[in-house]
Amino acid sequence: MVAMQLGFSQWHPVDKLLKKLKTDQGFDIKASDNSYHAAVRTGTNGGSVTHKYSDDFVTLLRSIIDENPFNLKGISTIDLKPDPITV
């Protein structure tokens, strides 16, 4: 669904944007639950999870695609690299 909202036909371009955010800002969105992402258990096995993304996540990725400045909502600067780069 996120990929389609951003105009992509598959997840791979979204994953590339996540990697870019992690490299540039030092923040791994999928590492924890936050205002952009939540891991939801789907079964009894500990590894059985699905990842859910918010509308804010789509807006954030759209800003990265459009090369607009953005702020990471609800993310402590402790979670970021010492000198975050505006994309």
PDB file of N, CA and C in Angstrom:
ATOM      1  N   MET A   1       0.817  -1.190   0.000  1.00  0.00           N
ATOM      2  CA  MET A   1       0.000   0.000   0.000  1.00  0.00           C
ATOM      3  C   MET A   1       0.867   1.262   0.000  1.00  0.00           C
ATOM      4  N   VAL A   2       1.905   1.304   0.848  1.00  0.00           N
ATOM      5  CA  VAL A   2       2.794   2.475   0.900  1.00  0.00           C
ATOM      6  C   VAL A   2       3.424   2.697  -0.472  1.00  0.00           C
ATOM      7  N   ALA A   3       3.931   1.631  -1.073  1.00  0.00           N
ATOM      8  CA  ALA A   3       4.575   1.751  -2.381  1.00  0.00           C
ATOM      9  C   ALA A   3       3.616   2.361  -3.399  1.00  0.00           C
ATOM     10  N   MET A   4       2.394   1.886  -3.412  1.00  0.00           N
ATOM     11  CA  MET A   4       1.402   2.404  -4.365  1.00  0.00           C
ATOM     12  C   MET A   4       1.089   3.876  -4.087  1.00  0.00           C
ATOM     13  N   GLN A   5       1.009   4.261  -2.814  1.00  0.00           N
ATOM     14  CA  GLN A   5       0.738   5.659  -2.470  1.00  0.00           C
ATOM     15  C   GLN A   5       1.848   6.583  -2.955  1.00  0.00           C
ATOM     16  N   LEU A   6       3.043   6.044  -3.067  1.00  0.00           N
ATOM     17  CA  LEU A   6       4.186   6.832  -3.535  1.00  0.00           C
ATOM     18  C   LEU A   6       4.413   6.698  -5.035  1.00  0.00           C
ATOM     19  N   GLY A   7       3.558   5.924  -5.706  1.00  0.00           N
ATOM     20  CA  GLY A   7       3.652   5.779  -7.151  1.00  0.00           C
ATOM     21  C   GLY A   7       4.552   4.647  -7.611  1.00  0.00           C
ATOM     22  N   PHE A   8       4.924   3.742  -6.696  1.00  0.00           N
ATOM     23  CA  PHE A   8       5.763   2.602  -7.042  1.00  0.00           C
ATOM     24  C   PHE A   8       4.902   1.352  -7.193  1.00  0.00           C
ATOM     25  N   SER A   9       5.345   0.413  -8.001  1.00  0.00           N
ATOM     26  CA  SER A   9       4.587  -0.826  -8.189  1.00  0.00           C
ATOM     27  C   SER A   9       5.045  -1.932  -7.246  1.00  0.00           C
ATOM     28  N   GLN A  10       6.172  -1.715  -6.560  1.00  0.00           N
ATOM     29  CA  GLN A  10       6.683  -2.729  -5.638  1.00  0.00           C
ATOM     30  C   GLN A  10       7.398  -2.056  -4.459  1.00  0.00           C
ATOM     31  N   TRP A  11       7.775  -2.859  -3.460  1.00  0.00           N
ATOM     32  CA  TRP A  11       8.343  -2.353  -2.209  1.00  0.00           C
ATOM     33  C   TRP A  11       9.797  -1.899  -2.355  1.00  0.00           C
ATOM     34  N   HIS A  12      10.544  -2.428  -3.287  1.00  0.00           N
ATOM     35  CA  HIS A  12      11.979  -2.168  -3.386  1.00  0.00           C
ATOM     36  C   HIS A  12      12.346  -0.671  -3.351  1.00  0.00           C
ATOM     37  N   PRO A  13      11.679   0.205  -4.103  1.00  0.00           N
ATOM     38  CA  PRO A  13      12.042   1.629  -4.022  1.00  0.00           C
ATOM     39  C   PRO A  13      11.809   2.225  -2.631  1.00  0.00           C
ATOM     40  N   VAL A  14      10.785   1.747  -1.931  1.00  0.00           N
ATOM     41  CA  VAL A  14      10.526   2.215  -0.567  1.00  0.00           C
ATOM     42  C   VAL A  14      11.664   1.769   0.340  1.00  0.00           C
ATOM     43  N   ASP A  15      12.091   0.527   0.174  1.00  0.00           N
ATOM     44  CA  ASP A  15      13.196   0.009   0.979  1.00  0.00           C
ATOM     45  C   ASP A  15      14.468   0.818   0.740  1.00  0.00           C
ATOM     46  N   LYS A  16      14.711   1.230  -0.496  1.00  0.00           N
ATOM     47  CA  LYS A  16      15.875   2.070  -0.797  1.00  0.00           C
ATOM     48  C   LYS A  16      15.778   3.410  -0.067  1.00  0.00           C
ATOM     49  N   LEU A  17      14.577   3.973   0.022  1.00  0.00           N
ATOM     50  CA  LEU A  17      14.388   5.231   0.750  1.00  0.00           C
ATOM     51  C   LEU A  17      14.634   5.041   2.241  1.00  0.00           C
ATOM     52  N   LEU A  18      14.205   3.902   2.787  1.00  0.00           N
ATOM     53  CA  LEU A  18      14.470   3.601   4.198  1.00  0.00           C
ATOM     54  C   LEU A  18      15.968   3.505   4.458  1.00  0.00           C
ATOM     55  N   LYS A  19      16.692   2.868   3.557  1.00  0.00           N
ATOM     56  CA  LYS A  19      18.147   2.756   3.699  1.00  0.00           C
ATOM     57  C   LYS A  19      18.818   4.123   3.592  1.00  0.00           C
ATOM     58  N   LYS A  20      18.309   4.974   2.699  1.00  0.00           N
ATOM     59  CA  LYS A  20      18.847   6.329   2.561  1.00  0.00           C
ATOM     60  C   LYS A  20      18.627   7.123   3.850  1.00  0.00           C
ATOM     61  N   LEU A  21      17.440   7.009   4.415  1.00  0.00           N
ATOM     62  CA  LEU A  21      17.149   7.700   5.673  1.00  0.00           C
ATOM     63  C   LEU A  21      18.076   7.218   6.780  1.00  0.00           C
ATOM     64  N   LYS A  22      18.296   5.925   6.842  1.00  0.00           N
ATOM     65  CA  LYS A  22      19.181   5.367   7.871  1.00  0.00           C
ATOM     66  C   LYS A  22      20.614   5.858   7.679  1.00  0.00           C
ATOM     67  N   THR A  23      21.079   5.878   6.439  1.00  0.00           N
ATOM     68  CA  THR A  23      22.437   6.330   6.147  1.00  0.00           C
ATOM     69  C   THR A  23      22.600   7.826   6.418  1.00  0.00           C
ATOM     70  N   ASP A  24      21.654   8.630   5.925  1.00  0.00           N
ATOM     71  CA  ASP A  24      21.775  10.085   6.023  1.00  0.00           C
ATOM     72  C   ASP A  24      21.481  10.616   7.422  1.00  0.00           C
ATOM     73  N   GLN A  25      20.475  10.043   8.082  1.00  0.00           N
ATOM     74  CA  GLN A  25      20.028  10.566   9.369  1.00  0.00           C
ATOM     75  C   GLN A  25      20.438   9.691  10.555  1.00  0.00           C
ATOM     76  N   GLY A  26      20.828   8.465  10.282  1.00  0.00           N
ATOM     77  CA  GLY A  26      21.197   7.562  11.366  1.00  0.00           C
ATOM     78  C   GLY A  26      20.003   7.002  12.105  1.00  0.00           C
ATOM     79  N   PHE A  27      18.836   7.022  11.484  1.00  0.00           N
ATOM     80  CA  PHE A  27      17.626   6.531  12.135  1.00  0.00           C
ATOM     81  C   PHE A  27      17.026   5.380  11.339  1.00  0.00           C
ATOM     82  N   ASP A  28      16.892   4.240  11.989  1.00  0.00           N
ATOM     83  CA  ASP A  28      16.296   3.055  11.379  1.00  0.00           C
ATOM     84  C   ASP A  28      14.839   2.979  11.811  1.00  0.00           C
ATOM     85  N   ILE A  29      13.937   3.378  10.948  1.00  0.00           N
ATOM     86  CA  ILE A  29      12.513   3.440  11.274  1.00  0.00           C
ATOM     87  C   ILE A  29      11.976   2.097  11.739  1.00  0.00           C
ATOM     88  N   LYS A  30      12.439   1.008  11.134  1.00  0.00           N
ATOM     89  CA  LYS A  30      11.896  -0.311  11.463  1.00  0.00           C
ATOM     90  C   LYS A  30      12.517  -0.942  12.699  1.00  0.00           C
ATOM     91  N   ALA A  31      13.498  -0.293  13.316  1.00  0.00           N
ATOM     92  CA  ALA A  31      14.161  -0.863  14.494  1.00  0.00           C
ATOM     93  C   ALA A  31      13.281  -0.830  15.738  1.00  0.00           C
ATOM     94  N   SER A  32      12.291   0.048  15.744  1.00  0.00           N
ATOM     95  CA  SER A  32      11.404   0.156  16.910  1.00  0.00           C
ATOM     96  C   SER A  32      10.058   0.715  16.473  1.00  0.00           C
ATOM     97  N   ASP A  33       9.084   0.596  17.345  1.00  0.00           N
ATOM     98  CA  ASP A  33       7.791   1.221  17.080  1.00  0.00           C
ATOM     99  C   ASP A  33       7.930   2.717  17.314  1.00  0.00           C
ATOM    100  N   ASN A  34       7.359   3.501  16.436  1.00  0.00           N
ATOM    101  CA  ASN A  34       7.433   4.952  16.526  1.00  0.00           C
ATOM    102  C   ASN A  34       6.252   5.548  15.770  1.00  0.00           C
ATOM    103  N   SER A  35       6.227   6.844  15.568  1.00  0.00           N
ATOM    104  CA  SER A  35       5.081   7.469  14.904  1.00  0.00           C
ATOM    105  C   SER A  35       4.988   7.129  13.415  1.00  0.00           C
ATOM    106  N   TYR A  36       6.001   6.502  12.867  1.00  0.00           N
ATOM    107  CA  TYR A  36       6.006   6.123  11.457  1.00  0.00           C
ATOM    108  C   TYR A  36       5.775   4.628  11.234  1.00  0.00           C
ATOM    109  N   HIS A  37       6.090   3.814  12.211  1.00  0.00           N
ATOM    110  CA  HIS A  37       6.126   2.360  12.017  1.00  0.00           C
ATOM    111  C   HIS A  37       5.757   1.626  13.297  1.00  0.00           C
ATOM    112  N   ALA A  38       5.082   0.481  13.117  1.00  0.00           N
ATOM    113  CA  ALA A  38       4.823  -0.424  14.244  1.00  0.00           C
ATOM    114  C   ALA A  38       4.940  -1.853  13.739  1.00  0.00           C
ATOM    115  N   ALA A  39       5.601  -2.688  14.517  1.00  0.00           N
ATOM    116  CA  ALA A  39       5.685  -4.114  14.211  1.00  0.00           C
ATOM    117  C   ALA A  39       4.545  -4.799  14.962  1.00  0.00           C
ATOM    118  N   VAL A  40       3.707  -5.529  14.228  1.00  0.00           N
ATOM    119  CA  VAL A  40       2.533  -6.172  14.806  1.00  0.00           C
ATOM    120  C   VAL A  40       2.708  -7.682  14.713  1.00  0.00           C
ATOM    121  N   ARG A  41       2.590  -8.347  15.855  1.00  0.00           N
ATOM    122  CA  ARG A  41       2.707  -9.814  15.857  1.00  0.00           C
ATOM    123  C   ARG A  41       1.542 -10.425  15.090  1.00  0.00           C
ATOM    124  N   THR A  42       1.855 -11.435  14.299  1.00  0.00           N
ATOM    125  CA  THR A  42       0.825 -12.085  13.491  1.00  0.00           C
ATOM    126  C   THR A  42       0.635 -13.550  13.851  1.00  0.00           C
ATOM    127  N   GLY A  43       1.397 -14.047  14.795  1.00  0.00           N
ATOM    128  CA  GLY A  43       1.284 -15.446  15.189  1.00  0.00           C
ATOM    129  C   GLY A  43       1.986 -15.694  16.502  1.00  0.00           C
ATOM    130  N   THR A  44       2.117 -16.964  16.853  1.00  0.00           N
ATOM    131  CA  THR A  44       2.741 -17.312  18.124  1.00  0.00           C
ATOM    132  C   THR A  44       4.258 -17.381  18.039  1.00  0.00           C
ATOM    133  N   ASN A  45       4.796 -17.541  16.859  1.00  0.00           N
ATOM    134  CA  ASN A  45       6.242 -17.567  16.656  1.00  0.00           C
ATOM    135  C   ASN A  45       6.783 -16.145  16.854  1.00  0.00           C
ATOM    136  N   GLY A  46       7.875 -16.013  17.581  1.00  0.00           N
ATOM    137  CA  GLY A  46       8.453 -14.696  17.861  1.00  0.00           C
ATOM    138  C   GLY A  46       8.795 -13.890  16.629  1.00  0.00           C
ATOM    139  N   GLY A  47       9.102 -14.546  15.531  1.00  0.00           N
ATOM    140  CA  GLY A  47       9.457 -13.845  14.299  1.00  0.00           C
ATOM    141  C   GLY A  47       8.277 -13.544  13.402  1.00  0.00           C
ATOM    142  N   SER A  48       7.082 -13.901  13.850  1.00  0.00           N
ATOM    143  CA  SER A  48       5.882 -13.681  13.036  1.00  0.00           C
ATOM    144  C   SER A  48       5.354 -12.264  13.253  1.00  0.00           C
ATOM    145  N   VAL A  49       5.846 -11.345  12.449  1.00  0.00           N
ATOM    146  CA  VAL A  49       5.398  -9.960  12.554  1.00  0.00           C
ATOM    147  C   VAL A  49       5.118  -9.401  11.175  1.00  0.00           C
ATOM    148  N   THR A  50       4.273  -8.412  11.135  1.00  0.00           N
ATOM    149  CA  THR A  50       4.068  -7.629   9.931  1.00  0.00           C
ATOM    150  C   THR A  50       4.341  -6.179  10.309  1.00  0.00           C
ATOM    151  N   HIS A  51       4.822  -5.429   9.371  1.00  0.00           N
ATOM    152  CA  HIS A  51       5.163  -4.033   9.627  1.00  0.00           C
ATOM    153  C   HIS A  51       4.049  -3.145   9.095  1.00  0.00           C
ATOM    154  N   LYS A  52       3.589  -2.238   9.935  1.00  0.00           N
ATOM    155  CA  LYS A  52       2.537  -1.287   9.575  1.00  0.00           C
ATOM    156  C   LYS A  52       3.130   0.110   9.570  1.00  0.00           C
ATOM    157  N   TYR A  53       2.700   0.912   8.611  1.00  0.00           N
ATOM    158  CA  TYR A  53       3.243   2.258   8.440  1.00  0.00           C
ATOM    159  C   TYR A  53       2.132   3.294   8.468  1.00  0.00           C
ATOM    160  N   SER A  54       2.425   4.457   9.005  1.00  0.00           N
ATOM    161  CA  SER A  54       1.432   5.519   9.161  1.00  0.00           C
ATOM    162  C   SER A  54       1.403   6.442   7.937  1.00  0.00           C
ATOM    163  N   ASP A  55       0.382   7.297   7.923  1.00  0.00           N
ATOM    164  CA  ASP A  55       0.311   8.328   6.889  1.00  0.00           C
ATOM    165  C   ASP A  55       1.496   9.279   7.005  1.00  0.00           C
ATOM    166  N   ASP A  56       1.973   9.518   8.236  1.00  0.00           N
ATOM    167  CA  ASP A  56       3.163  10.361   8.429  1.00  0.00           C
ATOM    168  C   ASP A  56       4.385   9.752   7.754  1.00  0.00           C
ATOM    169  N   PHE A  57       4.455   8.426   7.728  1.00  0.00           N
ATOM    170  CA  PHE A  57       5.545   7.727   7.055  1.00  0.00           C
ATOM    171  C   PHE A  57       5.527   8.037   5.564  1.00  0.00           C
ATOM    172  N   VAL A  58       4.348   7.965   4.974  1.00  0.00           N
ATOM    173  CA  VAL A  58       4.211   8.260   3.538  1.00  0.00           C
ATOM    174  C   VAL A  58       4.617   9.707   3.272  1.00  0.00           C
ATOM    175  N   THR A  59       4.182  10.619   4.132  1.00  0.00           N
ATOM    176  CA  THR A  59       4.533  12.034   3.983  1.00  0.00           C
ATOM    177  C   THR A  59       6.043  12.238   4.097  1.00  0.00           C
ATOM    178  N   LEU A  60       6.665  11.551   5.053  1.00  0.00           N
ATOM    179  CA  LEU A  60       8.116  11.639   5.220  1.00  0.00           C
ATOM    180  C   LEU A  60       8.845  11.162   3.970  1.00  0.00           C
ATOM    181  N   LEU A  61       8.452  10.009   3.451  1.00  0.00           N
ATOM    182  CA  LEU A  61       9.109   9.488   2.252  1.00  0.00           C
ATOM    183  C   LEU A  61       8.869  10.386   1.048  1.00  0.00           C
ATOM    184  N   ARG A  62       7.683  10.975   0.961  1.00  0.00           N
ATOM    185  CA  ARG A  62       7.399  11.910  -0.132  1.00  0.00           C
ATOM    186  C   ARG A  62       8.356  13.104  -0.042  1.00  0.00           C
ATOM    187  N   SER A  63       8.631  13.583   1.163  1.00  0.00           N
ATOM    188  CA  SER A  63       9.581  14.689   1.345  1.00  0.00           C
ATOM    189  C   SER A  63      10.981  14.289   0.890  1.00  0.00           C
ATOM    190  N   ILE A  64      11.371  13.059   1.196  1.00  0.00           N
ATOM    191  CA  ILE A  64      12.690  12.575   0.769  1.00  0.00           C
ATOM    192  C   ILE A  64      12.748  12.491  -0.752  1.00  0.00           C
ATOM    193  N   ILE A  65      11.712  11.935  -1.356  1.00  0.00           N
ATOM    194  CA  ILE A  65      11.655  11.815  -2.819  1.00  0.00           C
ATOM    195  C   ILE A  65      11.736  13.197  -3.468  1.00  0.00           C
ATOM    196  N   ASP A  66      10.964  14.149  -2.931  1.00  0.00           N
ATOM    197  CA  ASP A  66      10.901  15.503  -3.503  1.00  0.00           C
ATOM    198  C   ASP A  66      12.066  16.385  -3.069  1.00  0.00           C
ATOM    199  N   GLU A  67      12.966  15.817  -2.235  1.00  0.00           N
ATOM    200  CA  GLU A  67      14.131  16.533  -1.724  1.00  0.00           C
ATOM    201  C   GLU A  67      13.740  17.785  -0.940  1.00  0.00           C
ATOM    202  N   ASN A  68      12.640  17.665  -0.190  1.00  0.00           N
ATOM    203  CA  ASN A  68      12.191  18.751   0.686  1.00  0.00           C
ATOM    204  C   ASN A  68      12.743  18.523   2.087  1.00  0.00           C
ATOM    205  N   PRO A  69      13.005  19.595   2.826  1.00  0.00           N
ATOM    206  CA  PRO A  69      13.457  19.424   4.211  1.00  0.00           C
ATOM    207  C   PRO A  69      12.353  18.776   5.047  1.00  0.00           C
ATOM    208  N   PHE A  70      12.735  18.076   6.102  1.00  0.00           N
ATOM    209  CA  PHE A  70      11.766  17.421   6.964  1.00  0.00           C
ATOM    210  C   PHE A  70      12.315  17.306   8.370  1.00  0.00           C
ATOM    211  N   ASN A  71      11.413  17.111   9.305  1.00  0.00           N
ATOM    212  CA  ASN A  71      11.769  16.827  10.688  1.00  0.00           C
ATOM    213  C   ASN A  71      11.228  15.448  11.017  1.00  0.00           C
ATOM    214  N   LEU A  72      11.979  14.704  11.801  1.00  0.00           N
ATOM    215  CA  LEU A  72      11.515  13.387  12.234  1.00  0.00           C
ATOM    216  C   LEU A  72      10.636  13.575  13.458  1.00  0.00           C
ATOM    217  N   LYS A  73       9.348  13.337  13.297  1.00  0.00           N
ATOM    218  CA  LYS A  73       8.350  13.530  14.350  1.00  0.00           C
ATOM    219  C   LYS A  73       8.532  12.578  15.511  1.00  0.00           C
ATOM    220  N   GLY A  74       8.581  13.131  16.709  1.00  0.00           N
ATOM    221  CA  GLY A  74       8.606  12.301  17.898  1.00  0.00           C
ATOM    222  C   GLY A  74       9.869  11.490  18.082  1.00  0.00           C
ATOM    223  N   ILE A  75      10.932  11.841  17.368  1.00  0.00           N
ATOM    224  CA  ILE A  75      12.189  11.111  17.459  1.00  0.00           C
ATOM    225  C   ILE A  75      13.188  11.958  18.225  1.00  0.00           C
ATOM    226  N   SER A  76      13.746  11.397  19.264  1.00  0.00           N
ATOM    227  CA  SER A  76      14.735  12.095  20.072  1.00  0.00           C
ATOM    228  C   SER A  76      16.016  12.271  19.276  1.00  0.00           C
ATOM    229  N   THR A  77      16.689  13.384  19.481  1.00  0.00           N
ATOM    230  CA  THR A  77      17.972  13.597  18.805  1.00  0.00           C
ATOM    231  C   THR A  77      19.010  12.576  19.267  1.00  0.00           C
ATOM    232  N   ILE A  78      18.763  11.935  20.398  1.00  0.00           N
ATOM    233  CA  ILE A  78      19.668  10.875  20.867  1.00  0.00           C
ATOM    234  C   ILE A  78      19.663   9.705  19.882  1.00  0.00           C
ATOM    235  N   ASP A  79      18.521   9.516  19.192  1.00  0.00           N
ATOM    236  CA  ASP A  79      18.388   8.432  18.232  1.00  0.00           C
ATOM    237  C   ASP A  79      19.085   8.711  16.898  1.00  0.00           C
ATOM    238  N   LEU A  80      19.526   9.945  16.702  1.00  0.00           N
ATOM    239  CA  LEU A  80      20.085  10.355  15.414  1.00  0.00           C
ATOM    240  C   LEU A  80      21.595  10.475  15.477  1.00  0.00           C
ATOM    241  N   LYS A  81      22.179  10.570  14.276  1.00  0.00           N
ATOM    242  CA  LYS A  81      23.606  10.860  14.200  1.00  0.00           C
ATOM    243  C   LYS A  81      23.835  12.243  14.800  1.00  0.00           C
ATOM    244  N   PRO A  82      25.050  12.540  15.266  1.00  0.00           N
ATOM    245  CA  PRO A  82      25.312  13.838  15.889  1.00  0.00           C
ATOM    246  C   PRO A  82      24.962  15.038  15.020  1.00  0.00           C
ATOM    247  N   ASP A  83      25.204  14.993  13.722  1.00  0.00           N
ATOM    248  CA  ASP A  83      24.883  16.102  12.842  1.00  0.00           C
ATOM    249  C   ASP A  83      23.938  15.631  11.754  1.00  0.00           C
ATOM    250  N   PRO A  84      22.615  15.581  12.023  1.00  0.00           N
ATOM    251  CA  PRO A  84      21.674  15.105  11.012  1.00  0.00           C
ATOM    252  C   PRO A  84      21.746  15.950   9.749  1.00  0.00           C
ATOM    253  N   ILE A  85      21.585  15.300   8.630  1.00  0.00           N
ATOM    254  CA  ILE A  85      21.629  15.966   7.318  1.00  0.00           C
ATOM    255  C   ILE A  85      20.208  16.159   6.843  1.00  0.00           C
ATOM    256  N   THR A  86      19.862  17.357   6.417  1.00  0.00           N
ATOM    257  CA  THR A  86      18.545  17.592   5.816  1.00  0.00           C
ATOM    258  C   THR A  86      18.593  17.112   4.384  1.00  0.00           C
ATOM    259  N   VAL A  87      17.642  16.248   4.030  1.00  0.00           N
ATOM    260  CA  VAL A  87      17.591  15.694   2.676  1.00  0.00           C
ATOM    261  C   VAL A  87      16.825  16.623   1.789  1.00  0.00           C
TER     262      VAL A  87
END
